[in-house]
Amino acid sequence: TLFCWYQRRVRELENRLDAKEKLIDELEKAANKMADDIFERDNVLQQMNDEVEKLEKDNNEKEETIKTLEEDLDRQEEEIDKIEQDLEEKEKECDELKDEKA
């Protein structure tokens, strides 16, 4: 009968609607998981970028320290050279004084 046909059709449409609602729920869950994964990935990338920046800063500070130490070493070597020259001159003066006394 026509009424039975309408009932079957309504049930069929209700089943299709239920299936579509379930599919929408699954798609929403998948989209939320993707959003969470993207957020998590972005957090990891930000942490990595922060770590790289920290390492670069540390590296720059160490390079500055090395430069300062090298400059200090150069000054000390110059001072040592000057002291050695002064010592040689004093030794010559001492030798000359010994020769004069002898």
PDB file of N, CA and C in Angstrom:
ATOM      1  N   THR A   1       0.842  -1.189   0.000  1.00  0.00           N
ATOM      2  CA  THR A   1       0.000   0.000   0.000  1.00  0.00           C
ATOM      3  C   THR A   1       0.878   1.239   0.000  1.00  0.00           C
ATOM      4  N   LEU A   2       0.211   2.346  -0.276  1.00  0.00           N
ATOM      5  CA  LEU A   2       0.913   3.624  -0.353  1.00  0.00           C
ATOM      6  C   LEU A   2       1.477   4.028   1.013  1.00  0.00           C
ATOM      7  N   PHE A   3       0.715   3.775   2.064  1.00  0.00           N
ATOM      8  CA  PHE A   3       1.157   4.110   3.408  1.00  0.00           C
ATOM      9  C   PHE A   3       2.428   3.328   3.776  1.00  0.00           C
ATOM     10  N   CYS A   4       2.470   2.044   3.424  1.00  0.00           N
ATOM     11  CA  CYS A   4       3.646   1.205   3.705  1.00  0.00           C
ATOM     12  C   CYS A   4       4.857   1.719   2.929  1.00  0.00           C
ATOM     13  N   TRP A   5       4.586   2.110   1.712  1.00  0.00           N
ATOM     14  CA  TRP A   5       5.684   2.645   0.888  1.00  0.00           C
ATOM     15  C   TRP A   5       6.255   3.902   1.539  1.00  0.00           C
ATOM     16  N   TYR A   6       5.383   4.800   2.026  1.00  0.00           N
ATOM     17  CA  TYR A   6       5.832   6.020   2.697  1.00  0.00           C
ATOM     18  C   TYR A   6       6.613   5.689   3.973  1.00  0.00           C
ATOM     19  N   GLN A   7       6.141   4.687   4.699  1.00  0.00           N
ATOM     20  CA  GLN A   7       6.839   4.292   5.917  1.00  0.00           C
ATOM     21  C   GLN A   7       8.245   3.797   5.603  1.00  0.00           C
ATOM     22  N   ARG A   8       8.352   2.924   4.558  1.00  0.00           N
ATOM     23  CA  ARG A   8       9.662   2.405   4.152  1.00  0.00           C
ATOM     24  C   ARG A   8      10.563   3.550   3.687  1.00  0.00           C
ATOM     25  N   ARG A   9       9.978   4.451   2.958  1.00  0.00           N
ATOM     26  CA  ARG A   9      10.743   5.593   2.433  1.00  0.00           C
ATOM     27  C   ARG A   9      11.231   6.483   3.593  1.00  0.00           C
ATOM     28  N   VAL A  10      10.381   6.731   4.568  1.00  0.00           N
ATOM     29  CA  VAL A  10      10.765   7.536   5.732  1.00  0.00           C
ATOM     30  C   VAL A  10      11.880   6.841   6.490  1.00  0.00           C
ATOM     31  N   ARG A  11      11.763   5.514   6.712  1.00  0.00           N
ATOM     32  CA  ARG A  11      12.812   4.760   7.408  1.00  0.00           C
ATOM     33  C   ARG A  11      14.126   4.805   6.627  1.00  0.00           C
ATOM     34  N   GLU A  12      14.000   4.658   5.322  1.00  0.00           N
ATOM     35  CA  GLU A  12      15.188   4.710   4.466  1.00  0.00           C
ATOM     36  C   GLU A  12      15.866   6.079   4.584  1.00  0.00           C
ATOM     37  N   LEU A  13      15.074   7.128   4.534  1.00  0.00           N
ATOM     38  CA  LEU A  13      15.625   8.484   4.647  1.00  0.00           C
ATOM     39  C   LEU A  13      16.219   8.723   6.037  1.00  0.00           C
ATOM     40  N   GLU A  14      15.558   8.197   7.074  1.00  0.00           N
ATOM     41  CA  GLU A  14      16.082   8.329   8.432  1.00  0.00           C
ATOM     42  C   GLU A  14      17.413   7.599   8.575  1.00  0.00           C
ATOM     43  N   ASN A  15      17.505   6.404   7.971  1.00  0.00           N
ATOM     44  CA  ASN A  15      18.759   5.647   8.008  1.00  0.00           C
ATOM     45  C   ASN A  15      19.877   6.405   7.287  1.00  0.00           C
ATOM     46  N   ARG A  16      19.542   6.957   6.142  1.00  0.00           N
ATOM     47  CA  ARG A  16      20.540   7.736   5.391  1.00  0.00           C
ATOM     48  C   ARG A  16      20.976   8.965   6.196  1.00  0.00           C
ATOM     49  N   LEU A  17      20.010   9.620   6.852  1.00  0.00           N
ATOM     50  CA  LEU A  17      20.330  10.781   7.682  1.00  0.00           C
ATOM     51  C   LEU A  17      21.224  10.375   8.854  1.00  0.00           C
ATOM     52  N   ASP A  18      20.914   9.257   9.500  1.00  0.00           N
ATOM     53  CA  ASP A  18      21.753   8.756  10.590  1.00  0.00           C
ATOM     54  C   ASP A  18      23.173   8.471  10.098  1.00  0.00           C
ATOM     55  N   ALA A  19      23.272   7.826   8.929  1.00  0.00           N
ATOM     56  CA  ALA A  19      24.581   7.506   8.364  1.00  0.00           C
ATOM     57  C   ALA A  19      25.360   8.793   8.078  1.00  0.00           C
ATOM     58  N   LYS A  20      24.678   9.782   7.530  1.00  0.00           N
ATOM     59  CA  LYS A  20      25.343  11.053   7.232  1.00  0.00           C
ATOM     60  C   LYS A  20      25.761  11.752   8.518  1.00  0.00           C
ATOM     61  N   GLU A  21      24.950  11.701   9.559  1.00  0.00           N
ATOM     62  CA  GLU A  21      25.309  12.316  10.836  1.00  0.00           C
ATOM     63  C   GLU A  21      26.516  11.622  11.449  1.00  0.00           C
ATOM     64  N   LYS A  22      26.555  10.274  11.335  1.00  0.00           N
ATOM     65  CA  LYS A  22      27.715   9.540  11.840  1.00  0.00           C
ATOM     66  C   LYS A  22      28.974   9.921  11.059  1.00  0.00           C
ATOM     67  N   LEU A  23      28.827  10.051   9.736  1.00  0.00           N
ATOM     68  CA  LEU A  23      29.960  10.443   8.902  1.00  0.00           C
ATOM     69  C   LEU A  23      30.440  11.842   9.279  1.00  0.00           C
ATOM     70  N   ILE A  24      29.501  12.742   9.508  1.00  0.00           N
ATOM     71  CA  ILE A  24      29.863  14.108   9.923  1.00  0.00           C
ATOM     72  C   ILE A  24      30.601  14.070  11.256  1.00  0.00           C
ATOM     73  N   ASP A  25      30.118  13.265  12.207  1.00  0.00           N
ATOM     74  CA  ASP A  25      30.795  13.125  13.504  1.00  0.00           C
ATOM     75  C   ASP A  25      32.226  12.606  13.329  1.00  0.00           C
ATOM     76  N   GLU A  26      32.376  11.595  12.482  1.00  0.00           N
ATOM     77  CA  GLU A  26      33.707  11.040  12.233  1.00  0.00           C
ATOM     78  C   GLU A  26      34.614  12.073  11.584  1.00  0.00           C
ATOM     79  N   LEU A  27      34.057  12.825  10.625  1.00  0.00           N
ATOM     80  CA  LEU A  27      34.859  13.856   9.966  1.00  0.00           C
ATOM     81  C   LEU A  27      35.262  14.959  10.949  1.00  0.00           C
ATOM     82  N   GLU A  28      34.335  15.323  11.846  1.00  0.00           N
ATOM     83  CA  GLU A  28      34.667  16.331  12.857  1.00  0.00           C
ATOM     84  C   GLU A  28      35.755  15.829  13.785  1.00  0.00           C
ATOM     85  N   LYS A  29      35.662  14.548  14.190  1.00  0.00           N
ATOM     86  CA  LYS A  29      36.703  13.980  15.048  1.00  0.00           C
ATOM     87  C   LYS A  29      38.055  13.982  14.324  1.00  0.00           C
ATOM     88  N   ALA A  30      38.031  13.582  13.054  1.00  0.00           N
ATOM     89  CA  ALA A  30      39.270  13.559  12.275  1.00  0.00           C
ATOM     90  C   ALA A  30      39.844  14.977  12.126  1.00  0.00           C
ATOM     91  N   ALA A  31      38.971  15.952  11.877  1.00  0.00           N
ATOM     92  CA  ALA A  31      39.426  17.336  11.742  1.00  0.00           C
ATOM     93  C   ALA A  31      40.014  17.844  13.053  1.00  0.00           C
ATOM     94  N   ASN A  32      39.374  17.506  14.173  1.00  0.00           N
ATOM     95  CA  ASN A  32      39.901  17.913  15.475  1.00  0.00           C
ATOM     96  C   ASN A  32      41.253  17.275  15.755  1.00  0.00           C
ATOM     97  N   LYS A  33      41.378  15.995  15.399  1.00  0.00           N
ATOM     98  CA  LYS A  33      42.670  15.315  15.597  1.00  0.00           C
ATOM     99  C   LYS A  33      43.742  15.962  14.735  1.00  0.00           C
ATOM    100  N   MET A  34      43.386  16.282  13.492  1.00  0.00           N
ATOM    101  CA  MET A  34      44.351  16.955  12.615  1.00  0.00           C
ATOM    102  C   MET A  34      44.758  18.306  13.202  1.00  0.00           C
ATOM    103  N   ALA A  35      43.768  19.045  13.723  1.00  0.00           N
ATOM    104  CA  ALA A  35      44.067  20.347  14.324  1.00  0.00           C
ATOM    105  C   ALA A  35      44.982  20.174  15.538  1.00  0.00           C
ATOM    106  N   ASP A  36      44.701  19.159  16.357  1.00  0.00           N
ATOM    107  CA  ASP A  36      45.563  18.885  17.512  1.00  0.00           C
ATOM    108  C   ASP A  36      46.974  18.518  17.065  1.00  0.00           C
ATOM    109  N   ASP A  37      47.069  17.680  16.026  1.00  0.00           N
ATOM    110  CA  ASP A  37      48.377  17.276  15.509  1.00  0.00           C
ATOM    111  C   ASP A  37      49.144  18.489  14.978  1.00  0.00           C
ATOM    112  N   ILE A  38      48.443  19.367  14.274  1.00  0.00           N
ATOM    113  CA  ILE A  38      49.093  20.567  13.738  1.00  0.00           C
ATOM    114  C   ILE A  38      49.559  21.463  14.878  1.00  0.00           C
ATOM    115  N   PHE A  39      48.701  21.637  15.886  1.00  0.00           N
ATOM    116  CA  PHE A  39      49.061  22.455  17.047  1.00  0.00           C
ATOM    117  C   PHE A  39      50.276  21.866  17.746  1.00  0.00           C
ATOM    118  N   GLU A  40      50.276  20.551  17.915  1.00  0.00           N
ATOM    119  CA  GLU A  40      51.395  19.876  18.567  1.00  0.00           C
ATOM    120  C   GLU A  40      52.674  20.032  17.747  1.00  0.00           C
ATOM    121  N   ARG A  41      52.546  19.862  16.429  1.00  0.00           N
ATOM    122  CA  ARG A  41      53.709  20.026  15.548  1.00  0.00           C
ATOM    123  C   ARG A  41      54.241  21.451  15.625  1.00  0.00           C
ATOM    124  N   ASP A  42      53.336  22.428  15.618  1.00  0.00           N
ATOM    125  CA  ASP A  42      53.756  23.827  15.721  1.00  0.00           C
ATOM    126  C   ASP A  42      54.474  24.083  17.042  1.00  0.00           C
ATOM    127  N   ASN A  43      53.975  23.480  18.127  1.00  0.00           N
ATOM    128  CA  ASN A  43      54.647  23.635  19.420  1.00  0.00           C
ATOM    129  C   ASN A  43      56.053  23.052  19.377  1.00  0.00           C
ATOM    130  N   VAL A  44      56.181  21.876  18.778  1.00  0.00           N
ATOM    131  CA  VAL A  44      57.503  21.241  18.676  1.00  0.00           C
ATOM    132  C   VAL A  44      58.430  22.108  17.830  1.00  0.00           C
ATOM    133  N   LEU A  45      57.918  22.623  16.717  1.00  0.00           N
ATOM    134  CA  LEU A  45      58.743  23.482  15.856  1.00  0.00           C
ATOM    135  C   LEU A  45      59.163  24.756  16.598  1.00  0.00           C
ATOM    136  N   GLN A  46      58.246  25.328  17.359  1.00  0.00           N
ATOM    137  CA  GLN A  46      58.583  26.532  18.124  1.00  0.00           C
ATOM    138  C   GLN A  46      59.645  26.233  19.165  1.00  0.00           C
ATOM    139  N   GLN A  47      59.521  25.080  19.837  1.00  0.00           N
ATOM    140  CA  GLN A  47      60.534  24.689  20.820  1.00  0.00           C
ATOM    141  C   GLN A  47      61.891  24.509  20.141  1.00  0.00           C
ATOM    142  N   MET A  48      61.878  23.904  18.958  1.00  0.00           N
ATOM    143  CA  MET A  48      63.124  23.700  18.224  1.00  0.00           C
ATOM    144  C   MET A  48      63.722  25.051  17.813  1.00  0.00           C
ATOM    145  N   ASN A  49      62.872  25.959  17.333  1.00  0.00           N
ATOM    146  CA  ASN A  49      63.359  27.286  16.954  1.00  0.00           C
ATOM    147  C   ASN A  49      63.934  28.020  18.156  1.00  0.00           C
ATOM    148  N   ASP A  50      63.252  27.910  19.298  1.00  0.00           N
ATOM    149  CA  ASP A  50      63.754  28.547  20.513  1.00  0.00           C
ATOM    150  C   ASP A  50      65.114  27.973  20.893  1.00  0.00           C
ATOM    151  N   GLU A  51      65.244  26.664  20.779  1.00  0.00           N
ATOM    152  CA  GLU A  51      66.508  26.009  21.116  1.00  0.00           C
ATOM    153  C   GLU A  51      67.619  26.447  20.154  1.00  0.00           C
ATOM    154  N   VAL A  52      67.293  26.542  18.857  1.00  0.00           N
ATOM    155  CA  VAL A  52      68.281  26.996  17.867  1.00  0.00           C
ATOM    156  C   VAL A  52      68.731  28.422  18.191  1.00  0.00           C
ATOM    157  N   GLU A  53      67.763  29.299  18.513  1.00  0.00           N
ATOM    158  CA  GLU A  53      68.111  30.676  18.862  1.00  0.00           C
ATOM    159  C   GLU A  53      69.014  30.720  20.097  1.00  0.00           C
ATOM    160  N   LYS A  54      68.691  29.885  21.088  1.00  0.00           N
ATOM    161  CA  LYS A  54      69.510  29.840  22.304  1.00  0.00           C
ATOM    162  C   LYS A  54      70.920  29.361  21.972  1.00  0.00           C
ATOM    163  N   LEU A  55      71.019  28.321  21.144  1.00  0.00           N
ATOM    164  CA  LEU A  55      72.339  27.799  20.772  1.00  0.00           C
ATOM    165  C   LEU A  55      73.134  28.834  19.980  1.00  0.00           C
ATOM    166  N   GLU A  56      72.450  29.553  19.078  1.00  0.00           N
ATOM    167  CA  GLU A  56      73.132  30.592  18.306  1.00  0.00           C
ATOM    168  C   GLU A  56      73.627  31.707  19.228  1.00  0.00           C
ATOM    169  N   LYS A  57      72.806  32.096  20.198  1.00  0.00           N
ATOM    170  CA  LYS A  57      73.212  33.127  21.156  1.00  0.00           C
ATOM    171  C   LYS A  57      74.419  32.653  21.957  1.00  0.00           C
ATOM    172  N   ASP A  58      74.337  31.403  22.463  1.00  0.00           N
ATOM    173  CA  ASP A  58      75.462  30.844  23.217  1.00  0.00           C
ATOM    174  C   ASP A  58      76.732  30.810  22.363  1.00  0.00           C
ATOM    175  N   ASN A  59      76.561  30.415  21.106  1.00  0.00           N
ATOM    176  CA  ASN A  59      77.698  30.340  20.190  1.00  0.00           C
ATOM    177  C   ASN A  59      78.311  31.723  19.975  1.00  0.00           C
ATOM    178  N   ASN A  60      77.449  32.734  19.777  1.00  0.00           N
ATOM    179  CA  ASN A  60      77.955  34.092  19.586  1.00  0.00           C
ATOM    180  C   ASN A  60      78.698  34.583  20.820  1.00  0.00           C
ATOM    181  N   GLU A  61      78.148  34.279  22.005  1.00  0.00           N
ATOM    182  CA  GLU A  61      78.823  34.673  23.240  1.00  0.00           C
ATOM    183  C   GLU A  61      80.182  33.979  23.357  1.00  0.00           C
ATOM    184  N   LYS A  62      80.227  32.709  23.003  1.00  0.00           N
ATOM    185  CA  LYS A  62      81.494  31.979  23.073  1.00  0.00           C
ATOM    186  C   LYS A  62      82.502  32.528  22.068  1.00  0.00           C
ATOM    187  N   GLU A  63      82.029  32.892  20.877  1.00  0.00           N
ATOM    188  CA  GLU A  63      82.924  33.483  19.879  1.00  0.00           C
ATOM    189  C   GLU A  63      83.486  34.813  20.381  1.00  0.00           C
ATOM    190  N   GLU A  64      82.642  35.607  21.040  1.00  0.00           N
ATOM    191  CA  GLU A  64      83.110  36.873  21.612  1.00  0.00           C
ATOM    192  C   GLU A  64      84.150  36.613  22.700  1.00  0.00           C
ATOM    193  N   THR A  65      83.897  35.601  23.534  1.00  0.00           N
ATOM    194  CA  THR A  65      84.850  35.258  24.592  1.00  0.00           C
ATOM    195  C   THR A  65      86.177  34.819  23.983  1.00  0.00           C
ATOM    196  N   ILE A  66      86.104  34.005  22.942  1.00  0.00           N
ATOM    197  CA  ILE A  66      87.328  33.544  22.265  1.00  0.00           C
ATOM    198  C   ILE A  66      88.084  34.731  21.687  1.00  0.00           C
ATOM    199  N   LYS A  67      87.358  35.644  21.064  1.00  0.00           N
ATOM    200  CA  LYS A  67      87.991  36.842  20.482  1.00  0.00           C
ATOM    201  C   LYS A  67      88.692  37.656  21.568  1.00  0.00           C
ATOM    202  N   THR A  68      88.006  37.850  22.703  1.00  0.00           N
ATOM    203  CA  THR A  68      88.595  38.597  23.813  1.00  0.00           C
ATOM    204  C   THR A  68      89.836  37.887  24.346  1.00  0.00           C
ATOM    205  N   LEU A  69      89.750  36.564  24.485  1.00  0.00           N
ATOM    206  CA  LEU A  69      90.897  35.796  24.980  1.00  0.00           C
ATOM    207  C   LEU A  69      92.069  35.870  24.005  1.00  0.00           C
ATOM    208  N   GLU A  70      91.773  35.812  22.706  1.00  0.00           N
ATOM    209  CA  GLU A  70      92.840  35.919  21.707  1.00  0.00           C
ATOM    210  C   GLU A  70      93.505  37.294  21.767  1.00  0.00           C
ATOM    211  N   GLU A  71      92.689  38.342  21.948  1.00  0.00           N
ATOM    212  CA  GLU A  71      93.254  39.691  22.072  1.00  0.00           C
ATOM    213  C   GLU A  71      94.128  39.796  23.316  1.00  0.00           C
ATOM    214  N   ASP A  72      93.654  39.221  24.434  1.00  0.00           N
ATOM    215  CA  ASP A  72      94.438  39.217  25.669  1.00  0.00           C
ATOM    216  C   ASP A  72      95.752  38.465  25.474  1.00  0.00           C
ATOM    217  N   LEU A  73      95.672  37.327  24.790  1.00  0.00           N
ATOM    218  CA  LEU A  73      96.867  36.531  24.529  1.00  0.00           C
ATOM    219  C   LEU A  73      97.860  37.319  23.678  1.00  0.00           C
ATOM    220  N   ASP A  74      97.361  38.002  22.647  1.00  0.00           N
ATOM    221  CA  ASP A  74      98.248  38.812  21.804  1.00  0.00           C
ATOM    222  C   ASP A  74      98.946  39.895  22.629  1.00  0.00           C
ATOM    223  N   ARG A  75      98.201  40.566  23.517  1.00  0.00           N
ATOM    224  CA  ARG A  75      98.802  41.604  24.370  1.00  0.00           C
ATOM    225  C   ARG A  75      99.863  41.009  25.297  1.00  0.00           C
ATOM    226  N   GLN A  76      99.533  39.852  25.856  1.00  0.00           N
ATOM    227  CA  GLN A  76     100.493  39.217  26.753  1.00  0.00           C
ATOM    228  C   GLN A  76     101.757  38.794  26.006  1.00  0.00           C
ATOM    229  N   GLU A  77     101.578  38.295  24.779  1.00  0.00           N
ATOM    230  CA  GLU A  77     102.755  37.903  23.985  1.00  0.00           C
ATOM    231  C   GLU A  77     103.614  39.123  23.664  1.00  0.00           C
ATOM    232  N   GLU A  78     102.952  40.254  23.378  1.00  0.00           N
ATOM    233  CA  GLU A  78     103.700  41.489  23.122  1.00  0.00           C
ATOM    234  C   GLU A  78     104.461  41.918  24.373  1.00  0.00           C
ATOM    235  N   GLU A  79     103.809  41.803  25.531  1.00  0.00           N
ATOM    236  CA  GLU A  79     104.473  42.158  26.792  1.00  0.00           C
ATOM    237  C   GLU A  79     105.663  41.236  27.053  1.00  0.00           C
ATOM    238  N   ILE A  80     105.486  39.949  26.769  1.00  0.00           N
ATOM    239  CA  ILE A  80     106.588  38.991  26.958  1.00  0.00           C
ATOM    240  C   ILE A  80     107.746  39.348  26.038  1.00  0.00           C
ATOM    241  N   ASP A  81     107.425  39.677  24.765  1.00  0.00           N
ATOM    242  CA  ASP A  81     108.483  40.068  23.827  1.00  0.00           C
ATOM    243  C   ASP A  81     109.236  41.296  24.341  1.00  0.00           C
ATOM    244  N   LYS A  82     108.500  42.265  24.854  1.00  0.00           N
ATOM    245  CA  LYS A  82     109.123  43.487  25.377  1.00  0.00           C
ATOM    246  C   LYS A  82     110.008  43.160  26.579  1.00  0.00           C
ATOM    247  N   ILE A  83     109.506  42.313  27.474  1.00  0.00           N
ATOM    248  CA  ILE A  83     110.291  41.924  28.656  1.00  0.00           C
ATOM    249  C   ILE A  83     111.546  41.180  28.229  1.00  0.00           C
ATOM    250  N   GLU A  84     111.420  40.306  27.221  1.00  0.00           N
ATOM    251  CA  GLU A  84     112.592  39.560  26.741  1.00  0.00           C
ATOM    252  C   GLU A  84     113.626  40.518  26.137  1.00  0.00           C
ATOM    253  N   GLN A  85     113.151  41.528  25.391  1.00  0.00           N
ATOM    254  CA  GLN A  85     114.079  42.514  24.821  1.00  0.00           C
ATOM    255  C   GLN A  85     114.775  43.302  25.935  1.00  0.00           C
ATOM    256  N   ASP A  86     113.974  43.710  26.934  1.00  0.00           N
ATOM    257  CA  ASP A  86     114.565  44.434  28.061  1.00  0.00           C
ATOM    258  C   ASP A  86     115.598  43.570  28.767  1.00  0.00           C
ATOM    259  N   LEU A  87     115.280  42.286  28.923  1.00  0.00           N
ATOM    260  CA  LEU A  87     116.202  41.366  29.587  1.00  0.00           C
ATOM    261  C   LEU A  87     117.501  41.243  28.789  1.00  0.00           C
ATOM    262  N   GLU A  88     117.375  41.123  27.464  1.00  0.00           N
ATOM    263  CA  GLU A  88     118.579  41.024  26.619  1.00  0.00           C
ATOM    264  C   GLU A  88     119.431  42.283  26.758  1.00  0.00           C
ATOM    265  N   GLU A  89     118.773  43.441  26.777  1.00  0.00           N
ATOM    266  CA  GLU A  89     119.516  44.694  26.931  1.00  0.00           C
ATOM    267  C   GLU A  89     120.221  44.740  28.289  1.00  0.00           C
ATOM    268  N   LYS A  90     119.514  44.316  29.347  1.00  0.00           N
ATOM    269  CA  LYS A  90     120.116  44.305  30.679  1.00  0.00           C
ATOM    270  C   LYS A  90     121.287  43.337  30.737  1.00  0.00           C
ATOM    271  N   GLU A  91     121.139  42.183  30.060  1.00  0.00           N
ATOM    272  CA  GLU A  91     122.239  41.221  30.042  1.00  0.00           C
ATOM    273  C   GLU A  91     123.453  41.803  29.323  1.00  0.00           C
ATOM    274  N   LYS A  92     123.200  42.534  28.216  1.00  0.00           N
ATOM    275  CA  LYS A  92     124.307  43.169  27.487  1.00  0.00           C
ATOM    276  C   LYS A  92     124.984  44.209  28.372  1.00  0.00           C
ATOM    277  N   GLU A  93     124.183  45.016  29.063  1.00  0.00           N
ATOM    278  CA  GLU A  93     124.742  46.028  29.958  1.00  0.00           C
ATOM    279  C   GLU A  93     125.563  45.367  31.060  1.00  0.00           C
ATOM    280  N   CYS A  94     125.021  44.265  31.565  1.00  0.00           N
ATOM    281  CA  CYS A  94     125.722  43.537  32.624  1.00  0.00           C
ATOM    282  C   CYS A  94     127.046  42.991  32.100  1.00  0.00           C
ATOM    283  N   ASP A  95     127.021  42.422  30.897  1.00  0.00           N
ATOM    284  CA  ASP A  95     128.257  41.889  30.291  1.00  0.00           C
ATOM    285  C   ASP A  95     129.259  43.015  30.059  1.00  0.00           C
ATOM    286  N   GLU A  96     128.767  44.178  29.610  1.00  0.00           N
ATOM    287  CA  GLU A  96     129.670  45.320  29.361  1.00  0.00           C
ATOM    288  C   GLU A  96     130.307  45.787  30.659  1.00  0.00           C
ATOM    289  N   LEU A  97     129.493  45.838  31.743  1.00  0.00           N
ATOM    290  CA  LEU A  97     130.030  46.242  33.037  1.00  0.00           C
ATOM    291  C   LEU A  97     131.092  45.254  33.527  1.00  0.00           C
ATOM    292  N   LYS A  98     130.847  43.969  33.286  1.00  0.00           N
ATOM    293  CA  LYS A  98     131.830  42.948  33.688  1.00  0.00           C
ATOM    294  C   LYS A  98     133.107  43.129  32.908  1.00  0.00           C
ATOM    295  N   ASP A  99     132.974  43.417  31.592  1.00  0.00           N
ATOM    296  CA  ASP A  99     134.173  43.619  30.751  1.00  0.00           C
ATOM    297  C   ASP A  99     134.944  44.844  31.210  1.00  0.00           C
ATOM    298  N   GLU A 100     134.222  45.905  31.617  1.00  0.00           N
ATOM    299  CA  GLU A 100     134.890  47.125  32.076  1.00  0.00           C
ATOM    300  C   GLU A 100     135.636  46.876  33.369  1.00  0.00           C
ATOM    301  N   LYS A 101     135.095  46.054  34.259  1.00  0.00           N
ATOM    302  CA  LYS A 101     135.756  45.778  35.533  1.00  0.00           C
ATOM    303  C   LYS A 101     136.958  44.866  35.348  1.00  0.00           C
ATOM    304  N   ALA A 102     136.895  44.036  34.318  1.00  0.00           N
ATOM    305  CA  ALA A 102     137.969  43.071  34.145  1.00  0.00           C
ATOM    306  C   ALA A 102     139.167  43.657  33.449  1.00  0.00           C
TER     307      ALA A 102
END
